[in-house]
Amino acid sequence: RSEIYEDSFNQYYLPEAILKFRQGFGRLIRTASDRGVVGILDKRVLTKQYGRLFLESLPPCTARQGPAANLAREAGKWLGM
């Protein structure tokens, strides 16, 4: 890929990763009435400049940020469990 692209990370790998990320999200949420929880445990989404591109690729949704240790409890509350 580096032979084809001048900047293979930004021109190939990043768009491919964002596409797969969005597809994974889409497999959970297919209709407006569907509910589900996606936990993003990779801090690069918040710490790297390209991280916002992942979040901006998603449809409008409720977002929470916090320690991974709280994920199950917060997800359960949001889902009404």
PDB file of N, CA and C in Angstrom:
ATOM      1  N   ARG A   1       0.823  -1.191   0.000  1.00  0.00           N
ATOM      2  CA  ARG A   1       0.000   0.000   0.000  1.00  0.00           C
ATOM      3  C   ARG A   1       0.865   1.253   0.000  1.00  0.00           C
ATOM      4  N   SER A   2       2.005   1.176   0.640  1.00  0.00           N
ATOM      5  CA  SER A   2       2.857   2.362   0.706  1.00  0.00           C
ATOM      6  C   SER A   2       3.412   2.737  -0.662  1.00  0.00           C
ATOM      7  N   GLU A   3       3.413   1.779  -1.588  1.00  0.00           N
ATOM      8  CA  GLU A   3       3.877   2.087  -2.943  1.00  0.00           C
ATOM      9  C   GLU A   3       2.822   2.890  -3.708  1.00  0.00           C
ATOM     10  N   ILE A   4       1.561   2.709  -3.367  1.00  0.00           N
ATOM     11  CA  ILE A   4       0.456   3.348  -4.088  1.00  0.00           C
ATOM     12  C   ILE A   4       0.125   4.715  -3.507  1.00  0.00           C
ATOM     13  N   TYR A   5       0.194   4.838  -2.195  1.00  0.00           N
ATOM     14  CA  TYR A   5      -0.243   6.059  -1.513  1.00  0.00           C
ATOM     15  C   TYR A   5       0.949   6.853  -0.997  1.00  0.00           C
ATOM     16  N   GLU A   6       0.835   8.151  -1.113  1.00  0.00           N
ATOM     17  CA  GLU A   6       1.865   9.036  -0.578  1.00  0.00           C
ATOM     18  C   GLU A   6       1.873   8.986   0.952  1.00  0.00           C
ATOM     19  N   ASP A   7       0.683   8.972   1.537  1.00  0.00           N
ATOM     20  CA  ASP A   7       0.511   8.896   2.991  1.00  0.00           C
ATOM     21  C   ASP A   7      -0.440   7.737   3.262  1.00  0.00           C
ATOM     22  N   SER A   8       0.095   6.530   3.301  1.00  0.00           N
ATOM     23  CA  SER A   8      -0.753   5.333   3.373  1.00  0.00           C
ATOM     24  C   SER A   8      -1.618   5.296   4.637  1.00  0.00           C
ATOM     25  N   PHE A   9      -1.136   5.839   5.746  1.00  0.00           N
ATOM     26  CA  PHE A   9      -1.945   5.831   6.966  1.00  0.00           C
ATOM     27  C   PHE A   9      -3.219   6.640   6.766  1.00  0.00           C
ATOM     28  N   ASN A  10      -3.087   7.893   6.347  1.00  0.00           N
ATOM     29  CA  ASN A  10      -4.244   8.777   6.202  1.00  0.00           C
ATOM     30  C   ASN A  10      -5.067   8.501   4.951  1.00  0.00           C
ATOM     31  N   GLN A  11      -4.449   8.005   3.918  1.00  0.00           N
ATOM     32  CA  GLN A  11      -5.170   7.804   2.661  1.00  0.00           C
ATOM     33  C   GLN A  11      -5.772   6.411   2.526  1.00  0.00           C
ATOM     34  N   TYR A  12      -5.240   5.429   3.234  1.00  0.00           N
ATOM     35  CA  TYR A  12      -5.762   4.068   3.101  1.00  0.00           C
ATOM     36  C   TYR A  12      -6.182   3.464   4.449  1.00  0.00           C
ATOM     37  N   TYR A  13      -5.236   3.326   5.367  1.00  0.00           N
ATOM     38  CA  TYR A  13      -5.517   2.594   6.603  1.00  0.00           C
ATOM     39  C   TYR A  13      -6.565   3.279   7.479  1.00  0.00           C
ATOM     40  N   LEU A  14      -6.478   4.585   7.628  1.00  0.00           N
ATOM     41  CA  LEU A  14      -7.447   5.306   8.457  1.00  0.00           C
ATOM     42  C   LEU A  14      -8.863   5.218   7.888  1.00  0.00           C
ATOM     43  N   PRO A  15      -9.079   5.521   6.602  1.00  0.00           N
ATOM     44  CA  PRO A  15     -10.442   5.364   6.059  1.00  0.00           C
ATOM     45  C   PRO A  15     -10.969   3.928   6.165  1.00  0.00           C
ATOM     46  N   GLU A  16     -10.099   2.937   5.962  1.00  0.00           N
ATOM     47  CA  GLU A  16     -10.521   1.534   6.094  1.00  0.00           C
ATOM     48  C   GLU A  16     -10.934   1.225   7.532  1.00  0.00           C
ATOM     49  N   ALA A  17     -10.160   1.698   8.492  1.00  0.00           N
ATOM     50  CA  ALA A  17     -10.477   1.453   9.904  1.00  0.00           C
ATOM     51  C   ALA A  17     -11.788   2.129  10.295  1.00  0.00           C
ATOM     52  N   ILE A  18     -12.001   3.349   9.820  1.00  0.00           N
ATOM     53  CA  ILE A  18     -13.243   4.068  10.127  1.00  0.00           C
ATOM     54  C   ILE A  18     -14.438   3.345   9.520  1.00  0.00           C
ATOM     55  N   LEU A  19     -14.291   2.849   8.306  1.00  0.00           N
ATOM     56  CA  LEU A  19     -15.368   2.111   7.653  1.00  0.00           C
ATOM     57  C   LEU A  19     -15.728   0.857   8.456  1.00  0.00           C
ATOM     58  N   LYS A  20     -14.733   0.094   8.874  1.00  0.00           N
ATOM     59  CA  LYS A  20     -14.991  -1.125   9.651  1.00  0.00           C
ATOM     60  C   LYS A  20     -15.610  -0.797  11.016  1.00  0.00           C
ATOM     61  N   PHE A  21     -15.159   0.282  11.632  1.00  0.00           N
ATOM     62  CA  PHE A  21     -15.711   0.746  12.906  1.00  0.00           C
ATOM     63  C   PHE A  21     -17.190   1.068  12.748  1.00  0.00           C
ATOM     64  N   ARG A  22     -17.516   1.828  11.723  1.00  0.00           N
ATOM     65  CA  ARG A  22     -18.910   2.219  11.471  1.00  0.00           C
ATOM     66  C   ARG A  22     -19.768   0.999  11.121  1.00  0.00           C
ATOM     67  N   GLN A  23     -19.219   0.070  10.355  1.00  0.00           N
ATOM     68  CA  GLN A  23     -19.961  -1.144  10.006  1.00  0.00           C
ATOM     69  C   GLN A  23     -20.266  -1.969  11.252  1.00  0.00           C
ATOM     70  N   GLY A  24     -19.312  -2.074  12.155  1.00  0.00           N
ATOM     71  CA  GLY A  24     -19.538  -2.802  13.404  1.00  0.00           C
ATOM     72  C   GLY A  24     -20.648  -2.170  14.223  1.00  0.00           C
ATOM     73  N   PHE A  25     -20.642  -0.862  14.302  1.00  0.00           N
ATOM     74  CA  PHE A  25     -21.697  -0.132  15.004  1.00  0.00           C
ATOM     75  C   PHE A  25     -23.038  -0.394  14.321  1.00  0.00           C
ATOM     76  N   GLY A  26     -23.052  -0.371  13.012  1.00  0.00           N
ATOM     77  CA  GLY A  26     -24.279  -0.580  12.246  1.00  0.00           C
ATOM     78  C   GLY A  26     -24.859  -1.974  12.402  1.00  0.00           C
ATOM     79  N   ARG A  27     -24.024  -2.951  12.704  1.00  0.00           N
ATOM     80  CA  ARG A  27     -24.527  -4.315  12.914  1.00  0.00           C
ATOM     81  C   ARG A  27     -25.299  -4.421  14.226  1.00  0.00           C
ATOM     82  N   LEU A  28     -24.999  -3.541  15.148  1.00  0.00           N
ATOM     83  CA  LEU A  28     -25.718  -3.530  16.429  1.00  0.00           C
ATOM     84  C   LEU A  28     -27.007  -2.727  16.316  1.00  0.00           C
ATOM     85  N   ILE A  29     -26.927  -1.569  15.700  1.00  0.00           N
ATOM     86  CA  ILE A  29     -28.067  -0.658  15.592  1.00  0.00           C
ATOM     87  C   ILE A  29     -28.523  -0.627  14.136  1.00  0.00           C
ATOM     88  N   ARG A  30     -29.625  -1.314  13.845  1.00  0.00           N
ATOM     89  CA  ARG A  30     -30.108  -1.391  12.458  1.00  0.00           C
ATOM     90  C   ARG A  30     -31.349  -0.538  12.205  1.00  0.00           C
ATOM     91  N   THR A  31     -32.163  -0.329  13.241  1.00  0.00           N
ATOM     92  CA  THR A  31     -33.371   0.481  13.066  1.00  0.00           C
ATOM     93  C   THR A  31     -33.413   1.557  14.147  1.00  0.00           C
ATOM     94  N   ALA A  32     -34.281   2.531  13.972  1.00  0.00           N
ATOM     95  CA  ALA A  32     -34.388   3.640  14.925  1.00  0.00           C
ATOM     96  C   ALA A  32     -34.821   3.164  16.309  1.00  0.00           C
ATOM     97  N   SER A  33     -35.499   2.027  16.386  1.00  0.00           N
ATOM     98  CA  SER A  33     -35.968   1.536  17.686  1.00  0.00           C
ATOM     99  C   SER A  33     -34.971   0.591  18.367  1.00  0.00           C
ATOM    100  N   ASP A  34     -33.908   0.205  17.688  1.00  0.00           N
ATOM    101  CA  ASP A  34     -32.902  -0.678  18.289  1.00  0.00           C
ATOM    102  C   ASP A  34     -32.131   0.053  19.378  1.00  0.00           C
ATOM    103  N   ARG A  35     -31.720  -0.716  20.376  1.00  0.00           N
ATOM    104  CA  ARG A  35     -30.885  -0.169  21.455  1.00  0.00           C
ATOM    105  C   ARG A  35     -29.715  -1.104  21.668  1.00  0.00           C
ATOM    106  N   GLY A  36     -28.601  -0.542  21.994  1.00  0.00           N
ATOM    107  CA  GLY A  36     -27.418  -1.344  22.252  1.00  0.00           C
ATOM    108  C   GLY A  36     -26.325  -0.476  22.834  1.00  0.00           C
ATOM    109  N   VAL A  37     -25.270  -1.116  23.262  1.00  0.00           N
ATOM    110  CA  VAL A  37     -24.142  -0.408  23.859  1.00  0.00           C
ATOM    111  C   VAL A  37     -22.874  -0.806  23.122  1.00  0.00           C
ATOM    112  N   VAL A  38     -22.100   0.185  22.756  1.00  0.00           N
ATOM    113  CA  VAL A  38     -20.786  -0.029  22.161  1.00  0.00           C
ATOM    114  C   VAL A  38     -19.771   0.585  23.113  1.00  0.00           C
ATOM    115  N   GLY A  39     -18.853  -0.209  23.585  1.00  0.00           N
ATOM    116  CA  GLY A  39     -17.784   0.291  24.448  1.00  0.00           C
ATOM    117  C   GLY A  39     -16.521   0.465  23.630  1.00  0.00           C
ATOM    118  N   ILE A  40     -15.996   1.665  23.608  1.00  0.00           N
ATOM    119  CA  ILE A  40     -14.749   1.946  22.896  1.00  0.00           C
ATOM    120  C   ILE A  40     -13.665   2.068  23.953  1.00  0.00           C
ATOM    121  N   LEU A  41     -12.790   1.104  23.995  1.00  0.00           N
ATOM    122  CA  LEU A  41     -11.781   1.043  25.047  1.00  0.00           C
ATOM    123  C   LEU A  41     -10.413   1.521  24.578  1.00  0.00           C
ATOM    124  N   ASP A  42     -10.340   2.053  23.395  1.00  0.00           N
ATOM    125  CA  ASP A  42      -9.081   2.538  22.827  1.00  0.00           C
ATOM    126  C   ASP A  42      -8.970   4.039  23.066  1.00  0.00           C
ATOM    127  N   LYS A  43      -8.041   4.449  23.903  1.00  0.00           N
ATOM    128  CA  LYS A  43      -7.924   5.862  24.270  1.00  0.00           C
ATOM    129  C   LYS A  43      -7.530   6.756  23.099  1.00  0.00           C
ATOM    130  N   ARG A  44      -7.047   6.168  22.011  1.00  0.00           N
ATOM    131  CA  ARG A  44      -6.668   6.991  20.853  1.00  0.00           C
ATOM    132  C   ARG A  44      -7.857   7.739  20.265  1.00  0.00           C
ATOM    133  N   VAL A  45      -9.065   7.232  20.478  1.00  0.00           N
ATOM    134  CA  VAL A  45     -10.261   7.929  19.996  1.00  0.00           C
ATOM    135  C   VAL A  45     -10.360   9.314  20.648  1.00  0.00           C
ATOM    136  N   LEU A  46      -9.832   9.445  21.854  1.00  0.00           N
ATOM    137  CA  LEU A  46      -9.867  10.726  22.570  1.00  0.00           C
ATOM    138  C   LEU A  46      -8.542  11.480  22.527  1.00  0.00           C
ATOM    139  N   THR A  47      -7.434  10.764  22.353  1.00  0.00           N
ATOM    140  CA  THR A  47      -6.130  11.414  22.480  1.00  0.00           C
ATOM    141  C   THR A  47      -5.444  11.742  21.162  1.00  0.00           C
ATOM    142  N   LYS A  48      -5.842  11.108  20.087  1.00  0.00           N
ATOM    143  CA  LYS A  48      -5.210  11.361  18.786  1.00  0.00           C
ATOM    144  C   LYS A  48      -6.095  12.261  17.943  1.00  0.00           C
ATOM    145  N   GLN A  49      -5.462  13.049  17.106  1.00  0.00           N
ATOM    146  CA  GLN A  49      -6.209  13.986  16.265  1.00  0.00           C
ATOM    147  C   GLN A  49      -7.210  13.248  15.366  1.00  0.00           C
ATOM    148  N   TYR A  50      -6.826  12.079  14.872  1.00  0.00           N
ATOM    149  CA  TYR A  50      -7.712  11.326  13.983  1.00  0.00           C
ATOM    150  C   TYR A  50      -8.851  10.636  14.735  1.00  0.00           C
ATOM    151  N   GLY A  51      -8.793  10.581  16.049  1.00  0.00           N
ATOM    152  CA  GLY A  51      -9.813   9.888  16.831  1.00  0.00           C
ATOM    153  C   GLY A  51     -11.205  10.447  16.635  1.00  0.00           C
ATOM    154  N   ARG A  52     -11.311  11.759  16.505  1.00  0.00           N
ATOM    155  CA  ARG A  52     -12.627  12.384  16.318  1.00  0.00           C
ATOM    156  C   ARG A  52     -13.285  11.912  15.027  1.00  0.00           C
ATOM    157  N   LEU A  53     -12.482  11.526  14.026  1.00  0.00           N
ATOM    158  CA  LEU A  53     -13.046  11.049  12.760  1.00  0.00           C
ATOM    159  C   LEU A  53     -13.855   9.774  12.975  1.00  0.00           C
ATOM    160  N   PHE A  54     -13.400   8.928  13.889  1.00  0.00           N
ATOM    161  CA  PHE A  54     -14.146   7.710  14.208  1.00  0.00           C
ATOM    162  C   PHE A  54     -15.499   8.073  14.814  1.00  0.00           C
ATOM    163  N   LEU A  55     -15.476   8.964  15.802  1.00  0.00           N
ATOM    164  CA  LEU A  55     -16.719   9.344  16.475  1.00  0.00           C
ATOM    165  C   LEU A  55     -17.657  10.093  15.541  1.00  0.00           C
ATOM    166  N   GLU A  56     -17.118  10.952  14.696  1.00  0.00           N
ATOM    167  CA  GLU A  56     -17.947  11.711  13.753  1.00  0.00           C
ATOM    168  C   GLU A  56     -18.553  10.821  12.674  1.00  0.00           C
ATOM    169  N   SER A  57     -18.009   9.626  12.478  1.00  0.00           N
ATOM    170  CA  SER A  57     -18.541   8.724  11.455  1.00  0.00           C
ATOM    171  C   SER A  57     -19.824   8.028  11.909  1.00  0.00           C
ATOM    172  N   LEU A  58     -20.109   8.087  13.207  1.00  0.00           N
ATOM    173  CA  LEU A  58     -21.279   7.398  13.753  1.00  0.00           C
ATOM    174  C   LEU A  58     -22.541   8.237  13.604  1.00  0.00           C
ATOM    175  N   PRO A  59     -23.692   7.576  13.515  1.00  0.00           N
ATOM    176  CA  PRO A  59     -24.953   8.323  13.525  1.00  0.00           C
ATOM    177  C   PRO A  59     -25.164   8.946  14.906  1.00  0.00           C
ATOM    178  N   PRO A  60     -26.080   9.899  15.027  1.00  0.00           N
ATOM    179  CA  PRO A  60     -26.331  10.513  16.334  1.00  0.00           C
ATOM    180  C   PRO A  60     -26.671   9.447  17.382  1.00  0.00           C
ATOM    181  N   CYS A  61     -26.047   9.564  18.539  1.00  0.00           N
ATOM    182  CA  CYS A  61     -26.277   8.586  19.600  1.00  0.00           C
ATOM    183  C   CYS A  61     -25.893   9.191  20.944  1.00  0.00           C
ATOM    184  N   THR A  62     -26.299   8.524  22.003  1.00  0.00           N
ATOM    185  CA  THR A  62     -25.924   8.922  23.358  1.00  0.00           C
ATOM    186  C   THR A  62     -24.481   8.496  23.592  1.00  0.00           C
ATOM    187  N   ALA A  63     -23.680   9.382  24.135  1.00  0.00           N
ATOM    188  CA  ALA A  63     -22.274   9.055  24.402  1.00  0.00           C
ATOM    189  C   ALA A  63     -21.947   9.349  25.859  1.00  0.00           C
ATOM    190  N   ARG A  64     -21.177   8.474  26.444  1.00  0.00           N
ATOM    191  CA  ARG A  64     -20.704   8.643  27.813  1.00  0.00           C
ATOM    192  C   ARG A  64     -19.202   8.364  27.820  1.00  0.00           C
ATOM    193  N   GLN A  65     -18.516   9.004  28.736  1.00  0.00           N
ATOM    194  CA  GLN A  65     -17.080   8.793  28.874  1.00  0.00           C
ATOM    195  C   GLN A  65     -16.777   8.525  30.335  1.00  0.00           C
ATOM    196  N   GLY A  66     -15.934   7.536  30.591  1.00  0.00           N
ATOM    197  CA  GLY A  66     -15.577   7.230  31.964  1.00  0.00           C
ATOM    198  C   GLY A  66     -14.670   6.020  32.028  1.00  0.00           C
ATOM    199  N   PRO A  67     -14.350   5.581  33.234  1.00  0.00           N
ATOM    200  CA  PRO A  67     -13.470   4.428  33.413  1.00  0.00           C
ATOM    201  C   PRO A  67     -14.105   3.146  32.877  1.00  0.00           C
ATOM    202  N   ALA A  68     -13.280   2.286  32.307  1.00  0.00           N
ATOM    203  CA  ALA A  68     -13.764   1.005  31.779  1.00  0.00           C
ATOM    204  C   ALA A  68     -14.417   0.170  32.875  1.00  0.00           C
ATOM    205  N   ALA A  69     -13.960   0.323  34.100  1.00  0.00           N
ATOM    206  CA  ALA A  69     -14.524  -0.442  35.219  1.00  0.00           C
ATOM    207  C   ALA A  69     -16.003  -0.134  35.434  1.00  0.00           C
ATOM    208  N   ASN A  70     -16.460   1.024  34.991  1.00  0.00           N
ATOM    209  CA  ASN A  70     -17.864   1.416  35.166  1.00  0.00           C
ATOM    210  C   ASN A  70     -18.741   1.040  33.974  1.00  0.00           C
ATOM    211  N   LEU A  71     -18.155   0.498  32.933  1.00  0.00           N
ATOM    212  CA  LEU A  71     -18.891   0.256  31.686  1.00  0.00           C
ATOM    213  C   LEU A  71     -20.112  -0.634  31.886  1.00  0.00           C
ATOM    214  N   ALA A  72     -19.952  -1.776  32.517  1.00  0.00           N
ATOM    215  CA  ALA A  72     -21.080  -2.707  32.674  1.00  0.00           C
ATOM    216  C   ALA A  72     -22.218  -2.071  33.471  1.00  0.00           C
ATOM    217  N   ARG A  73     -21.886  -1.394  34.562  1.00  0.00           N
ATOM    218  CA  ARG A  73     -22.917  -0.757  35.389  1.00  0.00           C
ATOM    219  C   ARG A  73     -23.647   0.340  34.610  1.00  0.00           C
ATOM    220  N   GLU A  74     -22.904   1.206  33.938  1.00  0.00           N
ATOM    221  CA  GLU A  74     -23.511   2.306  33.184  1.00  0.00           C
ATOM    222  C   GLU A  74     -24.336   1.785  32.012  1.00  0.00           C
ATOM    223  N   ALA A  75     -23.845   0.762  31.336  1.00  0.00           N
ATOM    224  CA  ALA A  75     -24.596   0.170  30.221  1.00  0.00           C
ATOM    225  C   ALA A  75     -25.900  -0.427  30.722  1.00  0.00           C
ATOM    226  N   GLY A  76     -25.841  -1.133  31.840  1.00  0.00           N
ATOM    227  CA  GLY A  76     -27.047  -1.715  32.424  1.00  0.00           C
ATOM    228  C   GLY A  76     -28.072  -0.665  32.794  1.00  0.00           C
ATOM    229  N   LYS A  77     -27.618   0.435  33.380  1.00  0.00           N
ATOM    230  CA  LYS A  77     -28.541   1.523  33.733  1.00  0.00           C
ATOM    231  C   LYS A  77     -29.179   2.101  32.478  1.00  0.00           C
ATOM    232  N   TRP A  78     -28.383   2.333  31.448  1.00  0.00           N
ATOM    233  CA  TRP A  78     -28.899   2.935  30.217  1.00  0.00           C
ATOM    234  C   TRP A  78     -29.902   2.000  29.528  1.00  0.00           C
ATOM    235  N   LEU A  79     -29.641   0.703  29.604  1.00  0.00           N
ATOM    236  CA  LEU A  79     -30.534  -0.278  28.979  1.00  0.00           C
ATOM    237  C   LEU A  79     -31.729  -0.622  29.867  1.00  0.00           C
ATOM    238  N   GLY A  80     -31.766  -0.087  31.079  1.00  0.00           N
ATOM    239  CA  GLY A  80     -32.881  -0.358  31.986  1.00  0.00           C
ATOM    240  C   GLY A  80     -32.803  -1.716  32.639  1.00  0.00           C
ATOM    241  N   MET A  81     -31.621  -2.207  32.883  1.00  0.00           N
ATOM    242  CA  MET A  81     -31.438  -3.538  33.480  1.00  0.00           C
ATOM    243  C   MET A  81     -31.146  -3.424  34.958  1.00  0.00           C
TER     244      MET A  81
END
